[in-house]
Amino acid sequence: MKCLYVGKGHIKNRITNHFYSKDFSENMLVYFTYYSLPNRLSKYYEQLILDIFNIPFNKSENKGLSNLCMYFTQNEVDWKWEALKAN
């Protein structure tokens, strides 16, 4: 899975807004993850990620060149989805 976007804000509103305003159709399935941080730290980490990695949907601030990826087996993805549905 390749990281497509990094950002900060209220997670539910942010995901809803991006669902309607960004075209992820070429990427087939899109998974969202988040980590809660105080605002000042989230600004720092967001900029650090953008300075190192090429994140396609962060066009204006993106200076990085490396890809940020995570590799999952199909079984891991299915297990996480089943665990989420159970909660």
Protein backbone atom coordinates (compact mmCIF):
# COMPACT_ATOMS: atom_id res chain seq x y z
CA MET A 1 0.00 0.00 0.00
CA LYS A 2 1.42 3.34 -1.03
CA CYS A 3 0.76 6.40 1.10
CA LEU A 4 -1.31 8.84 -1.00
CA TYR A 5 -2.01 11.65 1.45
CA VAL A 6 -0.95 12.89 4.87
CA GLY A 7 -2.81 15.56 6.80
CA LYS A 8 -4.10 16.77 10.11
CA GLY A 9 -7.51 17.73 11.41
CA HIS A 10 -10.66 16.19 12.83
CA ILE A 11 -10.47 12.66 11.44
CA LYS A 12 -14.14 11.99 10.65
CA ASN A 13 -14.63 15.33 8.87
CA ARG A 14 -11.29 15.02 7.10
CA ILE A 15 -12.00 11.56 5.69
CA THR A 16 -15.53 12.52 4.64
CA ASN A 17 -14.24 15.65 2.88
CA HIS A 18 -11.50 13.76 1.06
CA PHE A 19 -13.91 11.01 0.02
CA TYR A 20 -15.98 13.59 -1.85
CA SER A 21 -13.23 15.96 -3.04
CA LYS A 22 -10.23 13.79 -4.05
CA ASP A 23 -10.20 11.30 -6.90
CA PHE A 24 -8.80 8.04 -5.53
CA SER A 25 -10.44 5.97 -8.32
CA GLU A 26 -7.13 4.92 -9.93
CA ASN A 27 -6.05 3.40 -6.62
CA MET A 28 -8.98 0.96 -6.38
CA LEU A 29 -9.21 0.39 -2.60
CA VAL A 30 -8.18 3.15 -0.23
CA TYR A 31 -7.52 2.50 3.45
CA PHE A 32 -7.38 5.26 6.05
CA THR A 33 -5.25 5.15 9.18
CA TYR A 34 -4.73 7.78 11.80
CA TYR A 35 -2.71 8.53 14.87
CA SER A 36 -3.86 11.14 17.36
CA LEU A 37 -1.27 13.80 18.26
CA PRO A 38 -1.30 17.28 19.79
CA ASN A 39 -1.60 19.97 17.08
CA ARG A 40 2.01 21.21 17.28
CA LEU A 41 3.41 17.67 16.95
CA SER A 42 1.04 16.82 14.10
CA LYS A 43 2.22 19.88 12.15
CA TYR A 44 5.85 18.87 12.67
CA TYR A 45 5.34 15.22 11.67
CA GLU A 46 3.24 16.15 8.66
CA GLN A 47 5.96 18.46 7.33
CA LEU A 48 8.71 15.94 8.12
CA ILE A 49 6.88 13.24 6.14
CA LEU A 50 6.34 15.63 3.22
CA ASP A 51 10.01 16.64 3.23
CA ILE A 52 11.15 13.01 2.97
CA PHE A 53 8.44 11.15 1.04
CA ASN A 54 6.64 11.77 -2.25
CA ILE A 55 2.96 11.82 -1.22
CA PRO A 56 0.90 12.23 -4.43
CA PHE A 57 -2.17 14.03 -3.02
CA ASN A 58 -0.11 16.62 -1.11
CA LYS A 59 0.92 18.54 -4.22
CA SER A 60 1.77 22.02 -2.94
CA GLU A 61 3.93 21.15 0.09
CA ASN A 62 5.44 17.91 -1.15
CA LYS A 63 9.24 18.04 -1.60
CA GLY A 64 10.16 14.44 -0.79
CA LEU A 65 11.32 11.88 -3.31
CA SER A 66 11.04 8.47 -1.58
CA ASN A 67 7.91 6.32 -1.60
CA LEU A 68 6.20 5.65 1.70
CA CYS A 69 4.77 2.13 1.50
CA MET A 70 3.55 -0.61 3.79
CA TYR A 71 3.24 -4.19 2.63
CA PHE A 72 0.38 -6.42 3.81
CA THR A 73 -0.59 -9.92 2.81
CA GLN A 74 -4.21 -10.40 1.72
CA ASN A 75 -4.76 -12.39 4.91
CA GLU A 76 -3.60 -9.45 7.07
CA VAL A 77 -5.89 -7.03 5.25
CA ASP A 78 -8.87 -9.40 5.54
CA TRP A 79 -8.20 -10.00 9.25
CA LYS A 80 -8.03 -6.28 10.02
CA TRP A 81 -11.26 -5.66 8.11
CA GLU A 82 -13.06 -8.46 9.97
CA ALA A 83 -11.78 -7.13 13.30
CA LEU A 84 -13.09 -3.65 12.45
CA LYS A 85 -16.51 -4.95 11.44
CA ALA A 86 -16.78 -6.85 14.74
CA ASN A 87 -16.28 -3.64 16.75
